[in-house]
Amino acid sequence: MTHCFNFPLYSQKNLSPEKFSNKEQDALIKATKPRKKLKIYLDIVSNRFKKFEALAKKCDEDPALKYLKGYHLALNQADILVSKEDANSKNSKKLLKKLLKVTDDISFSLLTKLEKIPQDCRPLVQSALDICQRINGAVEVQLLRAENF
């Protein structure tokens, strides 16, 4: 996945990963086109997800849950963004396909990680997988509707 921004991963000393940073909020405000906003949301998802994976692998539950919330927030916002696009437009289909690819990649990554982490850590990874699969299912439905127009 290519990213247009390089947002820092947050330590517990910095802003909570459960929220968008000022830099992320500013980038979202400045992005006027849905395609650019989606790239920003997906970059945020990627950053939160990478940190979540590392923490979940270590069974570091409290910080992992914070990154899980941030990942969930950004993924939901990406879904809301693409769902607001006119289903008739080519742009809508492109955005939906991009989000679908990202959620497919995340789901695959989580499924492979699920088998490799300790049993105690699996509920964290399962939660992330559930979130991703719900968004994935919603995007698939939207894409089917868009392709029928």
C-alpha atoms as a PDB file:
ATOM      1  CA  MET A   1       0.000   0.000   0.000  1.00  0.00           C
ATOM      2  CA  THR A   2       1.405   3.400  -0.925  1.00  0.00           C
ATOM      3  CA  HIS A   3       0.795   6.377   1.291  1.00  0.00           C
ATOM      4  CA  CYS A   4       0.797  10.071   0.578  1.00  0.00           C
ATOM      5  CA  PHE A   5       1.614  11.105   4.151  1.00  0.00           C
ATOM      6  CA  ASN A   6       4.031   9.835   6.734  1.00  0.00           C
ATOM      7  CA  PHE A   7       2.255  10.201  10.065  1.00  0.00           C
ATOM      8  CA  PRO A   8       4.232   9.229  13.128  1.00  0.00           C
ATOM      9  CA  LEU A   9       3.265   6.243  15.192  1.00  0.00           C
ATOM     10  CA  TYR A  10       2.305   7.474  18.603  1.00  0.00           C
ATOM     11  CA  SER A  11       3.895   6.574  21.876  1.00  0.00           C
ATOM     12  CA  GLN A  12       1.875   6.760  25.037  1.00  0.00           C
ATOM     13  CA  LYS A  13       3.553  10.096  25.809  1.00  0.00           C
ATOM     14  CA  ASN A  14       2.038  11.674  22.693  1.00  0.00           C
ATOM     15  CA  LEU A  15      -1.533  12.117  21.574  1.00  0.00           C
ATOM     16  CA  SER A  16      -3.687   9.082  22.045  1.00  0.00           C
ATOM     17  CA  PRO A  17      -3.802   6.797  18.998  1.00  0.00           C
ATOM     18  CA  GLU A  18      -7.581   6.540  19.516  1.00  0.00           C
ATOM     19  CA  LYS A  19      -8.055   9.983  17.990  1.00  0.00           C
ATOM     20  CA  PHE A  20      -6.800  11.798  14.940  1.00  0.00           C
ATOM     21  CA  SER A  21      -3.780  13.991  15.608  1.00  0.00           C
ATOM     22  CA  ASN A  22      -3.838  17.687  14.736  1.00  0.00           C
ATOM     23  CA  LYS A  23      -1.601  16.928  11.758  1.00  0.00           C
ATOM     24  CA  GLU A  24      -4.003  14.245  10.536  1.00  0.00           C
ATOM     25  CA  GLN A  25      -7.037  16.501  11.059  1.00  0.00           C
ATOM     26  CA  ASP A  26      -5.342  19.323   9.168  1.00  0.00           C
ATOM     27  CA  ALA A  27      -4.490  16.998   6.284  1.00  0.00           C
ATOM     28  CA  LEU A  28      -8.099  15.792   6.149  1.00  0.00           C
ATOM     29  CA  ILE A  29      -9.418  19.361   6.135  1.00  0.00           C
ATOM     30  CA  LYS A  30      -7.018  20.375   3.352  1.00  0.00           C
ATOM     31  CA  ALA A  31      -7.895  17.345   1.235  1.00  0.00           C
ATOM     32  CA  THR A  32     -10.740  18.534  -0.951  1.00  0.00           C
ATOM     33  CA  LYS A  33     -11.179  15.461  -3.135  1.00  0.00           C
ATOM     34  CA  PRO A  34     -12.581  12.189  -1.795  1.00  0.00           C
ATOM     35  CA  ARG A  35      -9.664  10.274  -3.331  1.00  0.00           C
ATOM     36  CA  LYS A  36      -7.161  12.309  -1.304  1.00  0.00           C
ATOM     37  CA  LYS A  37      -9.213  12.016   1.887  1.00  0.00           C
ATOM     38  CA  LEU A  38      -9.422   8.262   1.406  1.00  0.00           C
ATOM     39  CA  LYS A  39      -5.631   8.054   1.037  1.00  0.00           C
ATOM     40  CA  ILE A  40      -5.227   9.923   4.301  1.00  0.00           C
ATOM     41  CA  TYR A  41      -7.720   7.710   6.124  1.00  0.00           C
ATOM     42  CA  LEU A  42      -6.028   4.596   4.766  1.00  0.00           C
ATOM     43  CA  ASP A  43      -2.630   5.892   5.842  1.00  0.00           C
ATOM     44  CA  ILE A  44      -3.995   6.400   9.343  1.00  0.00           C
ATOM     45  CA  VAL A  45      -5.493   2.895   9.254  1.00  0.00           C
ATOM     46  CA  SER A  46      -2.150   1.487   8.156  1.00  0.00           C
ATOM     47  CA  ASN A  47      -0.182   3.261  10.871  1.00  0.00           C
ATOM     48  CA  ARG A  48      -2.584   2.286  13.649  1.00  0.00           C
ATOM     49  CA  PHE A  49      -2.827  -1.256  12.327  1.00  0.00           C
ATOM     50  CA  LYS A  50       0.944  -1.811  12.196  1.00  0.00           C
ATOM     51  CA  LYS A  51       1.380  -0.629  15.755  1.00  0.00           C
ATOM     52  CA  PHE A  52      -1.652  -2.673  16.853  1.00  0.00           C
ATOM     53  CA  GLU A  53      -0.177  -5.819  15.300  1.00  0.00           C
ATOM     54  CA  ALA A  54       3.147  -5.339  17.085  1.00  0.00           C
ATOM     55  CA  LEU A  55       1.444  -4.760  20.435  1.00  0.00           C
ATOM     56  CA  ALA A  56      -1.006  -7.653  19.985  1.00  0.00           C
ATOM     57  CA  LYS A  57       1.862  -9.992  19.178  1.00  0.00           C
ATOM     58  CA  LYS A  58       3.439  -9.029  22.516  1.00  0.00           C
ATOM     59  CA  CYS A  59       0.053  -9.338  24.288  1.00  0.00           C
ATOM     60  CA  ASP A  60       0.384  -5.729  25.397  1.00  0.00           C
ATOM     61  CA  GLU A  61      -3.372  -5.391  25.769  1.00  0.00           C
ATOM     62  CA  ASP A  62      -4.012  -1.827  26.985  1.00  0.00           C
ATOM     63  CA  PRO A  63      -1.931  -0.004  24.347  1.00  0.00           C
ATOM     64  CA  ALA A  64      -3.111  -2.476  21.679  1.00  0.00           C
ATOM     65  CA  LEU A  65      -6.731  -1.626  22.483  1.00  0.00           C
ATOM     66  CA  LYS A  66      -5.986   2.080  21.997  1.00  0.00           C
ATOM     67  CA  TYR A  67      -4.522   1.418  18.562  1.00  0.00           C
ATOM     68  CA  LEU A  68      -7.432  -0.872  17.780  1.00  0.00           C
ATOM     69  CA  LYS A  69      -9.852   1.975  18.537  1.00  0.00           C
ATOM     70  CA  GLY A  70      -7.870   4.346  16.306  1.00  0.00           C
ATOM     71  CA  TYR A  71      -7.747   1.776  13.510  1.00  0.00           C
ATOM     72  CA  HIS A  72     -11.507   1.259  13.873  1.00  0.00           C
ATOM     73  CA  LEU A  73     -12.188   5.017  13.820  1.00  0.00           C
ATOM     74  CA  ALA A  74     -10.156   5.593  10.653  1.00  0.00           C
ATOM     75  CA  LEU A  75     -11.596   2.544   8.895  1.00  0.00           C
ATOM     76  CA  ASN A  76     -15.143   3.662   9.737  1.00  0.00           C
ATOM     77  CA  GLN A  77     -14.440   7.172   8.468  1.00  0.00           C
ATOM     78  CA  ALA A  78     -13.079   5.729   5.218  1.00  0.00           C
ATOM     79  CA  ASP A  79     -16.252   3.663   4.852  1.00  0.00           C
ATOM     80  CA  ILE A  80     -18.455   6.695   5.521  1.00  0.00           C
ATOM     81  CA  LEU A  81     -16.499   8.715   2.975  1.00  0.00           C
ATOM     82  CA  VAL A  82     -16.937   6.196   0.172  1.00  0.00           C
ATOM     83  CA  SER A  83     -20.577   5.535   1.037  1.00  0.00           C
ATOM     84  CA  LYS A  84     -21.380   9.223   0.523  1.00  0.00           C
ATOM     85  CA  GLU A  85     -20.185   9.168  -3.069  1.00  0.00           C
ATOM     86  CA  ASP A  86     -22.731   8.994  -5.872  1.00  0.00           C
ATOM     87  CA  ALA A  87     -23.120   5.292  -6.694  1.00  0.00           C
ATOM     88  CA  ASN A  88     -23.360   6.126 -10.418  1.00  0.00           C
ATOM     89  CA  SER A  89     -19.923   7.683 -10.619  1.00  0.00           C
ATOM     90  CA  LYS A  90     -16.726   5.983 -11.705  1.00  0.00           C
ATOM     91  CA  ASN A  91     -15.040   7.734  -8.814  1.00  0.00           C
ATOM     92  CA  SER A  92     -17.308   5.917  -6.365  1.00  0.00           C
ATOM     93  CA  LYS A  93     -16.389   2.546  -7.817  1.00  0.00           C
ATOM     94  CA  LYS A  94     -12.674   3.365  -7.678  1.00  0.00           C
ATOM     95  CA  LEU A  95     -12.917   4.443  -4.053  1.00  0.00           C
ATOM     96  CA  LEU A  96     -14.915   1.356  -3.121  1.00  0.00           C
ATOM     97  CA  LYS A  97     -12.455  -0.942  -4.874  1.00  0.00           C
ATOM     98  CA  LYS A  98      -9.522   0.712  -3.112  1.00  0.00           C
ATOM     99  CA  LEU A  99     -11.153   0.337   0.297  1.00  0.00           C
ATOM    100  CA  LEU A 100     -12.148  -3.254  -0.497  1.00  0.00           C
ATOM    101  CA  LYS A 101      -8.557  -4.111  -1.429  1.00  0.00           C
ATOM    102  CA  VAL A 102      -7.257  -2.619   1.808  1.00  0.00           C
ATOM    103  CA  THR A 103      -9.794  -4.483   3.953  1.00  0.00           C
ATOM    104  CA  ASP A 104      -9.043  -7.719   2.083  1.00  0.00           C
ATOM    105  CA  ASP A 105      -5.312  -7.249   2.736  1.00  0.00           C
ATOM    106  CA  ILE A 106      -5.877  -6.492   6.418  1.00  0.00           C
ATOM    107  CA  SER A 107      -8.188  -9.487   6.820  1.00  0.00           C
ATOM    108  CA  PHE A 108      -5.613 -11.777   5.241  1.00  0.00           C
ATOM    109  CA  SER A 109      -2.877 -10.400   7.471  1.00  0.00           C
ATOM    110  CA  LEU A 110      -4.999 -10.844  10.592  1.00  0.00           C
ATOM    111  CA  LEU A 111      -6.008 -14.387   9.680  1.00  0.00           C
ATOM    112  CA  THR A 112      -2.388 -15.410   9.249  1.00  0.00           C
ATOM    113  CA  LYS A 113      -1.408 -13.694  12.509  1.00  0.00           C
ATOM    114  CA  LEU A 114      -4.253 -15.310  14.415  1.00  0.00           C
ATOM    115  CA  GLU A 115      -2.609 -18.721  14.168  1.00  0.00           C
ATOM    116  CA  LYS A 116       0.842 -17.475  15.165  1.00  0.00           C
ATOM    117  CA  ILE A 117       0.140 -15.544  18.343  1.00  0.00           C
ATOM    118  CA  PRO A 118      -0.395 -16.890  21.851  1.00  0.00           C
ATOM    119  CA  GLN A 119      -3.912 -17.986  22.764  1.00  0.00           C
ATOM    120  CA  ASP A 120      -4.268 -15.167  25.319  1.00  0.00           C
ATOM    121  CA  CYS A 121      -3.710 -12.545  22.609  1.00  0.00           C
ATOM    122  CA  ARG A 122      -6.130 -13.939  20.060  1.00  0.00           C
ATOM    123  CA  PRO A 123      -9.212 -12.001  21.234  1.00  0.00           C
ATOM    124  CA  LEU A 124      -7.422  -8.750  20.358  1.00  0.00           C
ATOM    125  CA  VAL A 125      -6.666  -9.943  16.847  1.00  0.00           C
ATOM    126  CA  GLN A 126     -10.161 -11.398  16.492  1.00  0.00           C
ATOM    127  CA  SER A 127     -11.640  -7.991  17.391  1.00  0.00           C
ATOM    128  CA  ALA A 128      -9.571  -6.301  14.688  1.00  0.00           C
ATOM    129  CA  LEU A 129     -10.619  -8.981  12.215  1.00  0.00           C
ATOM    130  CA  ASP A 130     -14.306  -8.553  13.095  1.00  0.00           C
ATOM    131  CA  ILE A 131     -14.079  -4.798  12.526  1.00  0.00           C
ATOM    132  CA  CYS A 132     -12.365  -5.278   9.190  1.00  0.00           C
ATOM    133  CA  GLN A 133     -14.791  -7.927   8.001  1.00  0.00           C
ATOM    134  CA  ARG A 134     -17.815  -5.763   8.879  1.00  0.00           C
ATOM    135  CA  ILE A 135     -16.408  -2.881   6.839  1.00  0.00           C
ATOM    136  CA  ASN A 136     -15.421  -5.282   4.063  1.00  0.00           C
ATOM    137  CA  GLY A 137     -18.958  -6.676   3.873  1.00  0.00           C
ATOM    138  CA  ALA A 138     -20.490  -3.187   3.766  1.00  0.00           C
ATOM    139  CA  VAL A 139     -18.094  -2.136   1.013  1.00  0.00           C
ATOM    140  CA  GLU A 140     -18.866  -5.263  -1.020  1.00  0.00           C
ATOM    141  CA  VAL A 141     -22.596  -4.465  -0.857  1.00  0.00           C
ATOM    142  CA  GLN A 142     -21.966  -0.853  -1.889  1.00  0.00           C
ATOM    143  CA  LEU A 143     -19.769  -2.001  -4.757  1.00  0.00           C
ATOM    144  CA  LEU A 144     -22.417  -4.431  -5.992  1.00  0.00           C
ATOM    145  CA  ARG A 145     -24.982  -1.627  -5.948  1.00  0.00           C
ATOM    146  CA  ALA A 146     -22.611   0.723  -7.758  1.00  0.00           C
ATOM    147  CA  GLU A 147     -21.891  -1.860 -10.451  1.00  0.00           C
ATOM    148  CA  ASN A 148     -25.608  -2.392 -11.055  1.00  0.00           C
ATOM    149  CA  PHE A 149     -26.109   1.260 -11.977  1.00  0.00           C
END
